[in-house]
Structures are given as structure tokens and as C-alpha cells.
N, C-alpha and C. Protein backbone atom coordinates (compact mmCIF):
# COMPACT_ATOMS: atom_id res chain seq x y z
N MET A 1 2.61 52.86 15.81
CA MET A 1 1.83 51.73 15.39
C MET A 1 0.41 52.20 15.13
N SER A 2 -0.15 51.75 14.05
CA SER A 2 -1.49 52.14 13.66
C SER A 2 -2.53 51.42 14.51
N ARG A 3 -3.65 52.09 14.74
CA ARG A 3 -4.74 51.49 15.50
C ARG A 3 -5.75 50.81 14.59
N LYS A 4 -5.50 50.80 13.29
CA LYS A 4 -6.41 50.13 12.37
C LYS A 4 -6.25 48.61 12.52
N PRO A 5 -7.36 47.85 12.58
CA PRO A 5 -7.27 46.38 12.73
C PRO A 5 -6.48 45.72 11.60
N ASP A 6 -6.51 46.30 10.39
CA ASP A 6 -5.77 45.70 9.28
C ASP A 6 -4.26 45.70 9.53
N ALA A 7 -3.79 46.65 10.29
CA ALA A 7 -2.35 46.74 10.54
C ALA A 7 -1.89 45.64 11.50
N TRP A 8 -2.80 45.04 12.24
CA TRP A 8 -2.44 43.99 13.19
C TRP A 8 -2.42 42.60 12.56
N LEU A 9 -2.98 42.47 11.39
CA LEU A 9 -3.07 41.16 10.76
C LEU A 9 -1.70 40.71 10.25
N VAL A 10 -1.43 39.47 10.48
CA VAL A 10 -0.21 38.86 9.97
C VAL A 10 -0.66 37.78 9.00
N ASP A 11 -0.16 37.85 7.79
CA ASP A 11 -0.58 36.89 6.77
C ASP A 11 0.35 35.68 6.77
N PHE A 12 -0.24 34.49 6.88
CA PHE A 12 0.51 33.24 6.84
C PHE A 12 0.11 32.45 5.62
N ASP A 13 1.08 31.80 5.02
CA ASP A 13 0.79 30.85 3.95
C ASP A 13 0.58 29.49 4.62
N VAL A 14 -0.67 29.22 4.97
CA VAL A 14 -1.00 28.01 5.72
C VAL A 14 -0.61 26.76 4.95
N ASN A 15 -0.81 26.76 3.65
CA ASN A 15 -0.46 25.58 2.84
C ASN A 15 1.04 25.30 2.88
N ALA A 16 1.84 26.35 2.82
CA ALA A 16 3.30 26.16 2.87
C ALA A 16 3.73 25.62 4.24
N ILE A 17 3.12 26.15 5.30
CA ILE A 17 3.44 25.68 6.64
C ILE A 17 3.03 24.21 6.80
N THR A 18 1.86 23.86 6.27
CA THR A 18 1.36 22.48 6.35
C THR A 18 2.29 21.54 5.59
N ARG A 19 2.72 21.95 4.40
CA ARG A 19 3.63 21.10 3.62
C ARG A 19 4.96 20.90 4.34
N GLU A 20 5.49 21.98 4.91
CA GLU A 20 6.76 21.89 5.61
C GLU A 20 6.65 21.00 6.85
N ALA A 21 5.56 21.15 7.61
CA ALA A 21 5.35 20.32 8.79
C ALA A 21 5.16 18.86 8.40
N ALA A 22 4.41 18.61 7.32
CA ALA A 22 4.19 17.23 6.86
C ALA A 22 5.50 16.59 6.44
N GLY A 23 6.37 17.35 5.80
CA GLY A 23 7.68 16.82 5.41
C GLY A 23 8.53 16.46 6.62
N PHE A 24 8.49 17.32 7.65
CA PHE A 24 9.24 17.04 8.87
C PHE A 24 8.69 15.80 9.57
N ILE A 25 7.37 15.73 9.69
CA ILE A 25 6.73 14.59 10.37
C ILE A 25 6.97 13.31 9.59
N ASP A 26 6.91 13.38 8.27
CA ASP A 26 7.14 12.19 7.44
C ASP A 26 8.56 11.67 7.63
N GLY A 27 9.51 12.58 7.74
CA GLY A 27 10.89 12.16 8.00
C GLY A 27 11.04 11.48 9.35
N GLU A 28 10.34 12.00 10.36
CA GLU A 28 10.37 11.38 11.68
C GLU A 28 9.70 10.01 11.65
N LEU A 29 8.57 9.90 10.92
CA LEU A 29 7.88 8.61 10.82
C LEU A 29 8.73 7.58 10.09
N GLU A 30 9.46 8.02 9.08
CA GLU A 30 10.36 7.10 8.38
C GLU A 30 11.43 6.56 9.33
N SER A 31 11.98 7.45 10.14
CA SER A 31 12.99 7.04 11.11
C SER A 31 12.42 6.03 12.11
N ILE A 32 11.20 6.28 12.59
CA ILE A 32 10.56 5.38 13.54
C ILE A 32 10.28 4.03 12.89
N ALA A 33 9.78 4.03 11.65
CA ALA A 33 9.50 2.77 10.94
C ALA A 33 10.78 1.98 10.74
N ASN A 34 11.88 2.65 10.41
CA ASN A 34 13.17 1.96 10.26
C ASN A 34 13.63 1.35 11.58
N ARG A 35 13.44 2.08 12.66
CA ARG A 35 13.82 1.57 13.98
C ARG A 35 13.00 0.34 14.36
N ILE A 36 11.69 0.37 14.05
CA ILE A 36 10.83 -0.78 14.35
C ILE A 36 11.27 -1.99 13.54
N ALA A 37 11.54 -1.78 12.25
CA ALA A 37 11.97 -2.89 11.39
C ALA A 37 13.31 -3.46 11.87
N ASP A 38 14.24 -2.60 12.24
CA ASP A 38 15.54 -3.07 12.74
C ASP A 38 15.38 -3.85 14.04
N GLU A 39 14.52 -3.34 14.92
CA GLU A 39 14.29 -4.02 16.20
C GLU A 39 13.61 -5.38 15.98
N ALA A 40 12.67 -5.44 15.03
CA ALA A 40 11.98 -6.70 14.74
C ALA A 40 12.95 -7.74 14.18
N ARG A 41 13.97 -7.29 13.45
CA ARG A 41 14.98 -8.20 12.90
C ARG A 41 16.08 -8.52 13.90
N GLY A 42 15.99 -7.98 15.09
CA GLY A 42 17.07 -8.06 16.07
C GLY A 42 17.28 -9.41 16.70
N GLU A 43 17.96 -9.40 17.84
CA GLU A 43 18.41 -10.61 18.52
C GLU A 43 17.27 -11.48 19.02
N GLU A 44 16.13 -10.89 19.38
CA GLU A 44 15.02 -11.67 19.93
C GLU A 44 14.14 -12.27 18.84
N PHE A 45 14.59 -12.23 17.61
CA PHE A 45 13.79 -12.75 16.50
C PHE A 45 13.72 -14.27 16.58
N PRO A 46 12.51 -14.86 16.38
CA PRO A 46 12.41 -16.32 16.41
C PRO A 46 13.24 -16.95 15.29
N THR A 47 13.84 -18.08 15.59
CA THR A 47 14.69 -18.74 14.59
C THR A 47 13.84 -19.32 13.46
N SER A 48 14.42 -19.37 12.28
CA SER A 48 13.73 -19.96 11.14
C SER A 48 14.74 -20.71 10.28
N LYS A 49 14.24 -21.63 9.49
CA LYS A 49 15.12 -22.46 8.66
C LYS A 49 15.67 -21.68 7.46
N THR A 50 14.81 -20.91 6.81
CA THR A 50 15.21 -20.26 5.56
C THR A 50 15.66 -18.82 5.72
N GLY A 51 15.20 -18.15 6.76
CA GLY A 51 15.52 -16.73 6.94
C GLY A 51 14.64 -15.80 6.14
N LYS A 52 13.63 -16.35 5.46
CA LYS A 52 12.75 -15.51 4.63
C LYS A 52 11.91 -14.56 5.48
N LEU A 53 11.54 -15.00 6.67
CA LEU A 53 10.71 -14.16 7.53
C LEU A 53 11.45 -12.89 7.92
N VAL A 54 12.68 -13.02 8.35
CA VAL A 54 13.45 -11.84 8.76
C VAL A 54 13.78 -10.96 7.56
N LYS A 55 14.01 -11.56 6.39
CA LYS A 55 14.29 -10.78 5.19
C LYS A 55 13.06 -10.05 4.68
N GLY A 56 11.87 -10.54 5.05
CA GLY A 56 10.63 -9.93 4.56
C GLY A 56 10.18 -8.72 5.34
N ILE A 57 10.86 -8.36 6.42
CA ILE A 57 10.47 -7.21 7.24
C ILE A 57 11.01 -5.95 6.59
N ARG A 58 10.11 -5.06 6.17
CA ARG A 58 10.52 -3.84 5.45
C ARG A 58 9.64 -2.65 5.84
N PRO A 59 10.24 -1.50 6.08
CA PRO A 59 9.44 -0.28 6.22
C PRO A 59 9.05 0.23 4.83
N ARG A 60 7.83 0.69 4.69
CA ARG A 60 7.33 1.18 3.41
C ARG A 60 6.49 2.44 3.62
N VAL A 61 6.44 3.26 2.59
CA VAL A 61 5.55 4.42 2.60
C VAL A 61 4.13 3.89 2.48
N SER A 62 3.25 4.38 3.34
CA SER A 62 1.86 3.93 3.32
C SER A 62 1.14 4.46 2.09
N LYS A 63 0.30 3.63 1.50
CA LYS A 63 -0.49 4.05 0.34
C LYS A 63 -1.87 4.55 0.76
N PHE A 64 -2.13 4.60 2.05
CA PHE A 64 -3.42 5.05 2.53
C PHE A 64 -3.54 6.57 2.41
N GLU A 65 -4.74 7.06 2.56
CA GLU A 65 -5.06 8.46 2.31
C GLU A 65 -4.20 9.43 3.13
N ASN A 66 -4.00 9.14 4.40
CA ASN A 66 -3.26 10.06 5.26
C ASN A 66 -1.75 9.88 5.19
N GLY A 67 -1.31 8.94 4.40
CA GLY A 67 0.13 8.75 4.22
C GLY A 67 0.80 8.13 5.43
N GLY A 68 2.04 8.49 5.66
CA GLY A 68 2.80 7.94 6.77
C GLY A 68 3.65 6.76 6.34
N TRP A 69 4.07 6.00 7.31
CA TRP A 69 4.94 4.84 7.08
C TRP A 69 4.36 3.64 7.80
N ILE A 70 4.57 2.45 7.23
CA ILE A 70 4.16 1.20 7.85
C ILE A 70 5.32 0.21 7.77
N VAL A 71 5.28 -0.80 8.61
CA VAL A 71 6.27 -1.87 8.56
C VAL A 71 5.55 -3.12 8.09
N LEU A 72 5.99 -3.65 6.95
CA LEU A 72 5.38 -4.83 6.35
C LEU A 72 6.25 -6.05 6.58
N VAL A 73 5.59 -7.20 6.63
CA VAL A 73 6.31 -8.48 6.61
C VAL A 73 5.74 -9.23 5.43
N ARG A 74 6.50 -9.30 4.35
CA ARG A 74 6.02 -9.82 3.08
C ARG A 74 6.27 -11.31 2.90
N VAL A 75 5.85 -12.11 3.86
CA VAL A 75 5.89 -13.56 3.71
C VAL A 75 4.53 -14.10 4.16
N PRO A 76 4.04 -15.16 3.53
CA PRO A 76 2.68 -15.61 3.80
C PRO A 76 2.46 -16.21 5.19
N HIS A 77 3.51 -16.61 5.89
CA HIS A 77 3.32 -17.25 7.18
C HIS A 77 3.64 -16.33 8.37
N ALA A 78 3.83 -15.05 8.13
CA ALA A 78 4.21 -14.14 9.21
C ALA A 78 3.15 -14.08 10.31
N HIS A 79 1.88 -14.05 9.94
CA HIS A 79 0.82 -13.96 10.95
C HIS A 79 0.77 -15.22 11.82
N LEU A 80 1.16 -16.36 11.27
CA LEU A 80 1.16 -17.60 12.05
C LEU A 80 2.24 -17.55 13.14
N VAL A 81 3.38 -16.98 12.81
CA VAL A 81 4.46 -16.84 13.79
C VAL A 81 4.09 -15.77 14.81
N GLU A 82 3.57 -14.65 14.34
CA GLU A 82 3.26 -13.51 15.22
C GLU A 82 2.16 -13.85 16.23
N TYR A 83 1.12 -14.53 15.80
CA TYR A 83 -0.05 -14.77 16.65
C TYR A 83 -0.21 -16.22 17.11
N GLY A 84 0.57 -17.14 16.61
CA GLY A 84 0.40 -18.55 16.94
C GLY A 84 -0.72 -19.15 16.11
N HIS A 85 -0.86 -20.49 16.18
CA HIS A 85 -1.90 -21.15 15.40
C HIS A 85 -2.13 -22.56 15.91
N ALA A 86 -3.26 -23.11 15.52
CA ALA A 86 -3.56 -24.50 15.86
C ALA A 86 -2.95 -25.40 14.81
N MET A 87 -2.42 -26.53 15.24
CA MET A 87 -1.90 -27.51 14.31
C MET A 87 -3.05 -28.47 14.00
N VAL A 88 -3.39 -28.57 12.73
CA VAL A 88 -4.55 -29.36 12.32
C VAL A 88 -4.08 -30.61 11.59
N ASN A 89 -4.63 -31.74 11.99
CA ASN A 89 -4.32 -33.02 11.36
C ASN A 89 -5.46 -33.37 10.41
N HIS A 90 -5.18 -33.47 9.13
CA HIS A 90 -6.19 -33.82 8.14
C HIS A 90 -6.06 -35.31 7.83
N ASP A 91 -7.01 -36.10 8.29
CA ASP A 91 -6.95 -37.53 8.03
C ASP A 91 -7.92 -37.96 6.94
N GLY A 92 -8.45 -37.03 6.20
CA GLY A 92 -9.36 -37.35 5.11
C GLY A 92 -10.81 -37.16 5.47
N THR A 93 -11.14 -37.07 6.75
CA THR A 93 -12.53 -36.86 7.14
C THR A 93 -12.69 -35.48 7.76
N GLN A 94 -12.70 -35.42 9.05
CA GLN A 94 -12.88 -34.17 9.77
C GLN A 94 -11.52 -33.66 10.23
N PRO A 95 -11.18 -32.37 9.97
CA PRO A 95 -9.92 -31.85 10.50
C PRO A 95 -9.91 -31.93 12.03
N LYS A 96 -8.80 -32.32 12.58
CA LYS A 96 -8.68 -32.50 14.02
C LYS A 96 -7.53 -31.65 14.54
N ILE A 97 -7.82 -30.84 15.54
CA ILE A 97 -6.79 -29.99 16.13
C ILE A 97 -5.95 -30.86 17.06
N THR A 98 -4.67 -30.99 16.74
CA THR A 98 -3.80 -31.85 17.53
C THR A 98 -3.07 -31.09 18.64
N LYS A 99 -2.64 -29.89 18.38
CA LYS A 99 -2.00 -29.06 19.41
C LYS A 99 -1.98 -27.61 18.96
N HIS A 100 -1.53 -26.74 19.84
CA HIS A 100 -1.45 -25.32 19.52
C HIS A 100 0.02 -24.90 19.48
N VAL A 101 0.38 -24.21 18.42
CA VAL A 101 1.73 -23.66 18.29
C VAL A 101 1.70 -22.26 18.89
N PRO A 102 2.52 -21.98 19.91
CA PRO A 102 2.45 -20.68 20.58
C PRO A 102 2.92 -19.53 19.69
N ALA A 103 2.45 -18.35 20.04
CA ALA A 103 2.84 -17.13 19.31
C ALA A 103 4.27 -16.75 19.66
N HIS A 104 4.95 -16.19 18.69
CA HIS A 104 6.28 -15.60 18.88
C HIS A 104 6.22 -14.18 18.33
N PRO A 105 5.61 -13.26 19.11
CA PRO A 105 5.40 -11.90 18.59
C PRO A 105 6.71 -11.14 18.43
N PHE A 106 7.12 -10.96 17.21
CA PHE A 106 8.35 -10.23 16.92
C PHE A 106 8.04 -8.80 16.51
N LEU A 107 6.97 -8.58 15.76
CA LEU A 107 6.65 -7.24 15.27
C LEU A 107 5.98 -6.41 16.36
N ARG A 108 5.05 -7.00 17.10
CA ARG A 108 4.39 -6.26 18.18
C ARG A 108 5.38 -5.86 19.27
N LYS A 109 6.28 -6.76 19.63
CA LYS A 109 7.30 -6.44 20.64
C LYS A 109 8.18 -5.28 20.18
N ALA A 110 8.59 -5.35 18.93
CA ALA A 110 9.46 -4.29 18.38
C ALA A 110 8.73 -2.96 18.36
N LYS A 111 7.47 -2.98 17.91
CA LYS A 111 6.68 -1.74 17.86
C LYS A 111 6.53 -1.14 19.24
N ASN A 112 6.16 -1.95 20.22
CA ASN A 112 5.96 -1.44 21.58
C ASN A 112 7.26 -0.89 22.17
N LYS A 113 8.37 -1.59 21.96
CA LYS A 113 9.65 -1.14 22.51
C LYS A 113 10.08 0.19 21.90
N VAL A 114 10.00 0.29 20.57
CA VAL A 114 10.43 1.52 19.89
C VAL A 114 9.50 2.68 20.23
N LEU A 115 8.20 2.43 20.31
CA LEU A 115 7.28 3.52 20.63
C LEU A 115 7.50 4.04 22.04
N MET A 116 7.83 3.15 22.98
CA MET A 116 8.15 3.61 24.34
C MET A 116 9.41 4.48 24.32
N GLU A 117 10.40 4.09 23.53
CA GLU A 117 11.62 4.89 23.41
C GLU A 117 11.33 6.24 22.78
N VAL A 118 10.48 6.25 21.74
CA VAL A 118 10.15 7.50 21.05
C VAL A 118 9.40 8.44 21.98
N VAL A 119 8.47 7.90 22.76
CA VAL A 119 7.72 8.73 23.72
C VAL A 119 8.68 9.32 24.75
N ALA A 120 9.61 8.52 25.25
CA ALA A 120 10.59 9.02 26.22
C ALA A 120 11.47 10.11 25.60
N GLU A 121 11.90 9.91 24.36
CA GLU A 121 12.71 10.92 23.67
C GLU A 121 11.91 12.21 23.46
N PHE A 122 10.65 12.07 23.09
CA PHE A 122 9.79 13.23 22.87
C PHE A 122 9.61 14.01 24.18
N ARG A 123 9.38 13.28 25.27
CA ARG A 123 9.20 13.95 26.56
C ARG A 123 10.46 14.66 27.01
N SER A 124 11.62 14.04 26.80
CA SER A 124 12.86 14.69 27.22
C SER A 124 13.17 15.90 26.35
N LYS A 125 12.76 15.85 25.09
CA LYS A 125 13.04 16.95 24.17
C LYS A 125 12.08 18.11 24.35
N TYR A 126 10.78 17.80 24.53
CA TYR A 126 9.76 18.85 24.55
C TYR A 126 9.13 19.06 25.92
N GLY A 127 9.50 18.32 26.91
CA GLY A 127 8.95 18.50 28.24
C GLY A 127 7.87 17.48 28.54
N LYS A 128 7.62 17.32 29.84
CA LYS A 128 6.69 16.29 30.29
C LYS A 128 5.26 16.55 29.85
N GLY A 129 4.84 17.79 29.81
CA GLY A 129 3.46 18.12 29.46
C GLY A 129 3.17 18.09 27.97
N ALA A 130 4.20 17.92 27.14
CA ALA A 130 4.01 17.96 25.69
C ALA A 130 3.32 16.72 25.19
């Protein structure tokens, strides 16, 4: 073995490694997003008359700069179900809050449940300190 420092250098194609790792991570994120969407559509889903809310839950590729995956709910009233809302009575003068409709968090529950499962899977696969 040569004692010249040049002989010790190992050349890596960092861009190729980054692309390959990003592809692997993106595949894992897609799987996690699908699991969250499936869990959100599951048995604990709040009942609805039309079923549009449950049909509107979709995993999608993120359009943001760093990429990744997101779970969308493409119906205009999803936030009202997820977070709850005040029921307002409009009698022509001043709006009056008559009661509060409680939240039925379907997406947050699904996200928390799946992320706990993913963390447990990661720990069992790569060790507790990982």
C-alpha cells in the first residue's frame, strides 16, 4: 500500500448517492402517506350523509420545495369536522352563537397512530438508538 495521501482517497459520486437515497426515502414516505390515508378512512371515521369527506382523503406528492408526500382532504368542510366549529344563527342583525359542534379529528388521529407505528418499526429494524 502506498503512503501517498492520494492513494487513500476514495472518490464518491455524492449526487448519485443523494438521488438514490432520495428515491428510497420518497418511496417510504409514499407508503406512510398511504397508510395515513387508509387509517383516516377507517372504522373510526365520523359518519356522513354523502360520503364525500371520506372519498376526498388522498395522498399526494407535495409540490413544496423539499418534496415528499402529504395527505389532502379535498372537501370544503373537512376543517369543520376535524377541528369543530361554532353554530351561528343569522337572524338578520347580529350573528349569534347558538352552540358548539365538537371536533371529530379523523386525520390527526390517523397521522398520530401511523407515525407511532412507523417509529416502532424503525426502532425494531435499526435499533433503539437509531
